[in-house]
Amino acid sequence: MQAINAEWTSTEEDIARRAFDIAHKREITSLIDLVRAKVNSLTEIEDIWRLHDFLSVKRHEIDGRYDYRLSILVFVFAGLVKDGWLNINELEGLNTDKIAKISALACM
């Protein structure tokens, strides 16, 4: 992933942090709900090991997805929009060029 060399104003950083946190909370809440459902359906030891494997994969995915380095944040937001964890409207206030790049990348 190549970094986009774009300056971020302090206002944009505040908007970005808020949007980033919203998406993260949404995904974590969804994961917790899913895990609760999986736990309630455990009947065998193999179910526990499958849950463990599932959680290991999810941890890797989430840790990789939520990277708040400004140099790659446009790509992070594009992925979050594409995956449905963030709405492009929640980035309102960012520079129009950044929003256009995020929108274009999210549609790829």
N, C-alpha and C. Protein backbone atom coordinates (compact mmCIF):
# COMPACT_ATOMS: atom_id res chain seq x y z
N MET A 1 0.86 -1.17 0.00
CA MET A 1 0.00 0.00 0.00
C MET A 1 0.90 1.23 0.00
N GLN A 2 0.82 2.02 -1.02
CA GLN A 2 1.64 3.21 -1.15
C GLN A 2 0.96 4.35 -0.41
N ALA A 3 1.75 5.11 0.35
CA ALA A 3 1.20 6.23 1.10
C ALA A 3 0.84 7.38 0.17
N ILE A 4 -0.22 8.07 0.53
CA ILE A 4 -0.60 9.27 -0.19
C ILE A 4 -0.02 10.45 0.58
N ASN A 5 0.75 11.24 -0.10
CA ASN A 5 1.38 12.37 0.55
C ASN A 5 0.40 13.53 0.59
N ALA A 6 -0.36 13.60 1.65
CA ALA A 6 -1.36 14.65 1.80
C ALA A 6 -1.27 15.23 3.20
N GLU A 7 -1.39 16.51 3.27
CA GLU A 7 -1.37 17.18 4.56
C GLU A 7 -2.75 17.06 5.20
N TRP A 8 -2.78 16.95 6.49
CA TRP A 8 -4.02 16.88 7.27
C TRP A 8 -4.06 18.07 8.21
N THR A 9 -5.12 18.85 8.13
CA THR A 9 -5.28 19.96 9.06
C THR A 9 -5.71 19.38 10.41
N SER A 10 -5.62 20.17 11.44
CA SER A 10 -6.05 19.68 12.76
C SER A 10 -7.54 19.37 12.77
N THR A 11 -8.33 20.14 12.04
CA THR A 11 -9.76 19.86 11.94
C THR A 11 -9.99 18.53 11.24
N GLU A 12 -9.26 18.29 10.15
CA GLU A 12 -9.38 17.03 9.43
C GLU A 12 -8.94 15.86 10.31
N GLU A 13 -7.89 16.06 11.09
CA GLU A 13 -7.44 15.00 11.99
C GLU A 13 -8.51 14.67 13.02
N ASP A 14 -9.20 15.69 13.53
CA ASP A 14 -10.30 15.45 14.48
C ASP A 14 -11.44 14.67 13.82
N ILE A 15 -11.81 15.07 12.61
CA ILE A 15 -12.86 14.37 11.86
C ILE A 15 -12.44 12.93 11.59
N ALA A 16 -11.21 12.76 11.16
CA ALA A 16 -10.68 11.44 10.85
C ALA A 16 -10.67 10.54 12.09
N ARG A 17 -10.23 11.08 13.20
CA ARG A 17 -10.17 10.28 14.43
C ARG A 17 -11.57 9.84 14.85
N ARG A 18 -12.52 10.76 14.75
CA ARG A 18 -13.91 10.44 15.12
C ARG A 18 -14.46 9.34 14.21
N ALA A 19 -14.26 9.49 12.92
CA ALA A 19 -14.76 8.51 11.95
C ALA A 19 -14.08 7.15 12.17
N PHE A 20 -12.80 7.17 12.39
CA PHE A 20 -12.02 5.96 12.64
C PHE A 20 -12.57 5.23 13.87
N ASP A 21 -12.80 5.98 14.94
CA ASP A 21 -13.31 5.40 16.18
C ASP A 21 -14.73 4.86 16.01
N ILE A 22 -15.56 5.56 15.24
CA ILE A 22 -16.93 5.10 14.97
C ILE A 22 -16.89 3.76 14.25
N ALA A 23 -16.09 3.67 13.20
CA ALA A 23 -16.00 2.43 12.44
C ALA A 23 -15.48 1.29 13.31
N HIS A 24 -14.46 1.58 14.08
CA HIS A 24 -13.88 0.55 14.96
C HIS A 24 -14.92 0.05 15.96
N LYS A 25 -15.64 0.97 16.56
CA LYS A 25 -16.66 0.58 17.53
C LYS A 25 -17.75 -0.26 16.87
N ARG A 26 -18.16 0.12 15.67
CA ARG A 26 -19.17 -0.65 14.94
C ARG A 26 -18.71 -2.09 14.70
N GLU A 27 -17.48 -2.21 14.24
CA GLU A 27 -17.00 -3.55 13.93
C GLU A 27 -16.82 -4.38 15.19
N ILE A 28 -16.32 -3.78 16.24
CA ILE A 28 -16.13 -4.51 17.49
C ILE A 28 -17.48 -4.92 18.07
N THR A 29 -18.46 -4.04 18.04
CA THR A 29 -19.80 -4.36 18.53
C THR A 29 -20.40 -5.51 17.74
N SER A 30 -20.23 -5.48 16.43
CA SER A 30 -20.72 -6.55 15.57
C SER A 30 -20.03 -7.87 15.91
N LEU A 31 -18.72 -7.82 16.12
CA LEU A 31 -17.97 -9.01 16.46
C LEU A 31 -18.42 -9.58 17.80
N ILE A 32 -18.62 -8.73 18.78
CA ILE A 32 -19.08 -9.18 20.10
C ILE A 32 -20.44 -9.87 19.98
N ASP A 33 -21.34 -9.28 19.21
CA ASP A 33 -22.66 -9.90 19.01
C ASP A 33 -22.52 -11.27 18.34
N LEU A 34 -21.65 -11.35 17.35
CA LEU A 34 -21.44 -12.60 16.64
C LEU A 34 -20.84 -13.66 17.57
N VAL A 35 -19.87 -13.26 18.37
CA VAL A 35 -19.24 -14.19 19.30
C VAL A 35 -20.25 -14.68 20.34
N ARG A 36 -21.09 -13.79 20.84
CA ARG A 36 -22.12 -14.21 21.79
C ARG A 36 -23.01 -15.29 21.19
N ALA A 37 -23.40 -15.08 19.94
CA ALA A 37 -24.25 -16.07 19.27
C ALA A 37 -23.50 -17.40 19.11
N LYS A 38 -22.23 -17.32 18.75
CA LYS A 38 -21.44 -18.55 18.58
C LYS A 38 -21.27 -19.27 19.92
N VAL A 39 -21.02 -18.51 20.97
CA VAL A 39 -20.85 -19.11 22.30
C VAL A 39 -22.13 -19.82 22.73
N ASN A 40 -23.24 -19.21 22.46
CA ASN A 40 -24.52 -19.81 22.85
C ASN A 40 -24.83 -21.09 22.08
N SER A 41 -24.13 -21.32 20.98
CA SER A 41 -24.39 -22.53 20.20
C SER A 41 -23.31 -23.59 20.40
N LEU A 42 -22.39 -23.38 21.32
CA LEU A 42 -21.35 -24.37 21.58
C LEU A 42 -21.96 -25.65 22.15
N THR A 43 -21.60 -26.77 21.56
CA THR A 43 -22.08 -28.04 22.08
C THR A 43 -20.96 -29.07 22.23
N GLU A 44 -19.88 -28.87 21.53
CA GLU A 44 -18.77 -29.83 21.55
C GLU A 44 -17.44 -29.09 21.66
N ILE A 45 -16.43 -29.80 22.07
CA ILE A 45 -15.10 -29.22 22.21
C ILE A 45 -14.61 -28.67 20.87
N GLU A 46 -14.96 -29.33 19.78
CA GLU A 46 -14.54 -28.84 18.46
C GLU A 46 -15.13 -27.46 18.17
N ASP A 47 -16.31 -27.19 18.69
CA ASP A 47 -16.91 -25.86 18.53
C ASP A 47 -16.04 -24.80 19.20
N ILE A 48 -15.47 -25.14 20.32
CA ILE A 48 -14.60 -24.20 21.05
C ILE A 48 -13.35 -23.92 20.23
N TRP A 49 -12.75 -24.97 19.66
CA TRP A 49 -11.54 -24.77 18.87
C TRP A 49 -11.83 -23.96 17.60
N ARG A 50 -12.99 -24.20 17.00
CA ARG A 50 -13.38 -23.40 15.82
C ARG A 50 -13.57 -21.94 16.21
N LEU A 51 -14.17 -21.72 17.38
CA LEU A 51 -14.34 -20.34 17.85
C LEU A 51 -12.98 -19.69 18.09
N HIS A 52 -12.07 -20.42 18.66
CA HIS A 52 -10.71 -19.91 18.88
C HIS A 52 -10.06 -19.52 17.56
N ASP A 53 -10.17 -20.41 16.58
CA ASP A 53 -9.59 -20.12 15.26
C ASP A 53 -10.24 -18.90 14.62
N PHE A 54 -11.56 -18.82 14.72
CA PHE A 54 -12.30 -17.68 14.20
C PHE A 54 -11.82 -16.38 14.84
N LEU A 55 -11.67 -16.39 16.16
CA LEU A 55 -11.23 -15.19 16.87
C LEU A 55 -9.80 -14.82 16.50
N SER A 56 -8.95 -15.80 16.30
CA SER A 56 -7.57 -15.51 15.89
C SER A 56 -7.53 -14.80 14.55
N VAL A 57 -8.34 -15.29 13.61
CA VAL A 57 -8.41 -14.66 12.29
C VAL A 57 -8.97 -13.24 12.41
N LYS A 58 -10.05 -13.09 13.16
CA LYS A 58 -10.67 -11.77 13.33
C LYS A 58 -9.70 -10.78 13.96
N ARG A 59 -8.95 -11.23 14.96
CA ARG A 59 -7.99 -10.33 15.59
C ARG A 59 -6.96 -9.85 14.58
N HIS A 60 -6.47 -10.76 13.78
CA HIS A 60 -5.49 -10.39 12.74
C HIS A 60 -6.10 -9.40 11.75
N GLU A 61 -7.32 -9.66 11.30
CA GLU A 61 -8.00 -8.77 10.35
C GLU A 61 -8.20 -7.38 10.94
N ILE A 62 -8.72 -7.33 12.15
CA ILE A 62 -9.04 -6.04 12.77
C ILE A 62 -7.77 -5.27 13.09
N ASP A 63 -6.77 -5.94 13.63
CA ASP A 63 -5.50 -5.26 13.92
C ASP A 63 -4.88 -4.69 12.65
N GLY A 64 -5.03 -5.40 11.53
CA GLY A 64 -4.48 -4.91 10.27
C GLY A 64 -5.30 -3.81 9.64
N ARG A 65 -6.59 -3.85 9.84
CA ARG A 65 -7.49 -2.88 9.21
C ARG A 65 -7.42 -1.51 9.87
N TYR A 66 -7.29 -1.47 11.18
CA TYR A 66 -7.37 -0.20 11.90
C TYR A 66 -5.97 0.34 12.19
N ASP A 67 -5.41 0.96 11.19
CA ASP A 67 -4.08 1.55 11.26
C ASP A 67 -4.24 3.06 11.08
N TYR A 68 -4.00 3.81 12.15
CA TYR A 68 -4.26 5.24 12.10
C TYR A 68 -3.02 6.07 11.74
N ARG A 69 -2.27 5.63 10.77
CA ARG A 69 -1.18 6.47 10.28
C ARG A 69 -1.75 7.38 9.21
N LEU A 70 -1.54 8.67 9.37
CA LEU A 70 -2.11 9.64 8.44
C LEU A 70 -1.68 9.37 7.00
N SER A 71 -0.49 8.83 6.82
CA SER A 71 0.02 8.59 5.46
C SER A 71 -0.78 7.54 4.71
N ILE A 72 -1.50 6.66 5.40
CA ILE A 72 -2.28 5.63 4.72
C ILE A 72 -3.77 5.70 5.06
N LEU A 73 -4.16 6.72 5.78
CA LEU A 73 -5.54 6.81 6.28
C LEU A 73 -6.58 6.86 5.16
N VAL A 74 -6.23 7.43 4.03
CA VAL A 74 -7.16 7.45 2.89
C VAL A 74 -7.49 6.01 2.48
N PHE A 75 -6.47 5.14 2.45
CA PHE A 75 -6.68 3.74 2.10
C PHE A 75 -7.49 3.01 3.18
N VAL A 76 -7.18 3.31 4.43
CA VAL A 76 -7.92 2.71 5.55
C VAL A 76 -9.39 3.07 5.44
N PHE A 77 -9.68 4.36 5.25
CA PHE A 77 -11.07 4.80 5.13
C PHE A 77 -11.76 4.17 3.92
N ALA A 78 -11.05 4.06 2.82
CA ALA A 78 -11.64 3.44 1.63
C ALA A 78 -12.05 2.00 1.93
N GLY A 79 -11.20 1.28 2.62
CA GLY A 79 -11.52 -0.09 3.00
C GLY A 79 -12.71 -0.17 3.94
N LEU A 80 -12.76 0.75 4.90
CA LEU A 80 -13.87 0.77 5.86
C LEU A 80 -15.19 1.11 5.18
N VAL A 81 -15.13 2.03 4.23
CA VAL A 81 -16.35 2.38 3.47
C VAL A 81 -16.77 1.18 2.62
N LYS A 82 -15.82 0.59 1.93
CA LYS A 82 -16.11 -0.55 1.06
C LYS A 82 -16.72 -1.71 1.85
N ASP A 83 -16.21 -1.94 3.06
CA ASP A 83 -16.67 -3.05 3.88
C ASP A 83 -17.92 -2.72 4.70
N GLY A 84 -18.38 -1.46 4.61
CA GLY A 84 -19.62 -1.09 5.27
C GLY A 84 -19.49 -0.66 6.73
N TRP A 85 -18.28 -0.49 7.21
CA TRP A 85 -18.10 -0.07 8.61
C TRP A 85 -18.14 1.44 8.76
N LEU A 86 -18.05 2.15 7.64
CA LEU A 86 -18.05 3.60 7.66
C LEU A 86 -18.83 4.10 6.46
N ASN A 87 -19.56 5.18 6.65
CA ASN A 87 -20.30 5.80 5.57
C ASN A 87 -19.49 7.01 5.10
N ILE A 88 -19.42 7.20 3.81
CA ILE A 88 -18.64 8.32 3.27
C ILE A 88 -19.10 9.66 3.85
N ASN A 89 -20.39 9.76 4.19
CA ASN A 89 -20.90 11.00 4.78
C ASN A 89 -20.28 11.29 6.14
N GLU A 90 -19.79 10.27 6.81
CA GLU A 90 -19.17 10.47 8.12
C GLU A 90 -17.78 11.09 8.01
N LEU A 91 -17.31 11.26 6.81
CA LEU A 91 -16.03 11.92 6.57
C LEU A 91 -16.20 13.37 6.14
N GLU A 92 -17.44 13.84 6.20
CA GLU A 92 -17.73 15.23 5.81
C GLU A 92 -16.85 16.18 6.62
N GLY A 93 -16.25 17.11 5.92
CA GLY A 93 -15.34 18.07 6.54
C GLY A 93 -13.90 17.83 6.13
N LEU A 94 -13.63 16.64 5.58
CA LEU A 94 -12.30 16.40 5.02
C LEU A 94 -12.20 17.14 3.70
N ASN A 95 -10.99 17.40 3.28
CA ASN A 95 -10.72 18.02 1.99
C ASN A 95 -11.42 17.22 0.90
N THR A 96 -12.02 17.91 -0.05
CA THR A 96 -12.78 17.24 -1.11
C THR A 96 -11.91 16.27 -1.93
N ASP A 97 -10.63 16.57 -2.07
CA ASP A 97 -9.74 15.65 -2.79
C ASP A 97 -9.60 14.33 -2.03
N LYS A 98 -9.49 14.41 -0.71
CA LYS A 98 -9.39 13.19 0.09
C LYS A 98 -10.68 12.37 -0.02
N ILE A 99 -11.81 13.04 0.08
CA ILE A 99 -13.08 12.33 -0.02
C ILE A 99 -13.24 11.69 -1.40
N ALA A 100 -12.83 12.40 -2.43
CA ALA A 100 -12.91 11.85 -3.79
C ALA A 100 -12.02 10.61 -3.92
N LYS A 101 -10.82 10.66 -3.36
CA LYS A 101 -9.91 9.51 -3.42
C LYS A 101 -10.49 8.32 -2.65
N ILE A 102 -11.02 8.60 -1.47
CA ILE A 102 -11.61 7.55 -0.65
C ILE A 102 -12.79 6.91 -1.40
N SER A 103 -13.64 7.74 -1.96
CA SER A 103 -14.81 7.24 -2.71
C SER A 103 -14.37 6.39 -3.89
N ALA A 104 -13.40 6.87 -4.64
CA ALA A 104 -12.92 6.13 -5.81
C ALA A 104 -12.31 4.79 -5.40
N LEU A 105 -11.51 4.80 -4.37
CA LEU A 105 -10.87 3.56 -3.92
C LEU A 105 -11.90 2.58 -3.35
N ALA A 106 -12.91 3.10 -2.69
CA ALA A 106 -13.93 2.23 -2.10
C ALA A 106 -14.77 1.54 -3.16
N CYS A 107 -14.82 2.10 -4.35
CA CYS A 107 -15.62 1.52 -5.43
C CYS A 107 -14.83 0.51 -6.26
N MET A 108 -13.55 0.38 -6.01
CA MET A 108 -12.72 -0.54 -6.80
C MET A 108 -13.01 -1.97 -6.44
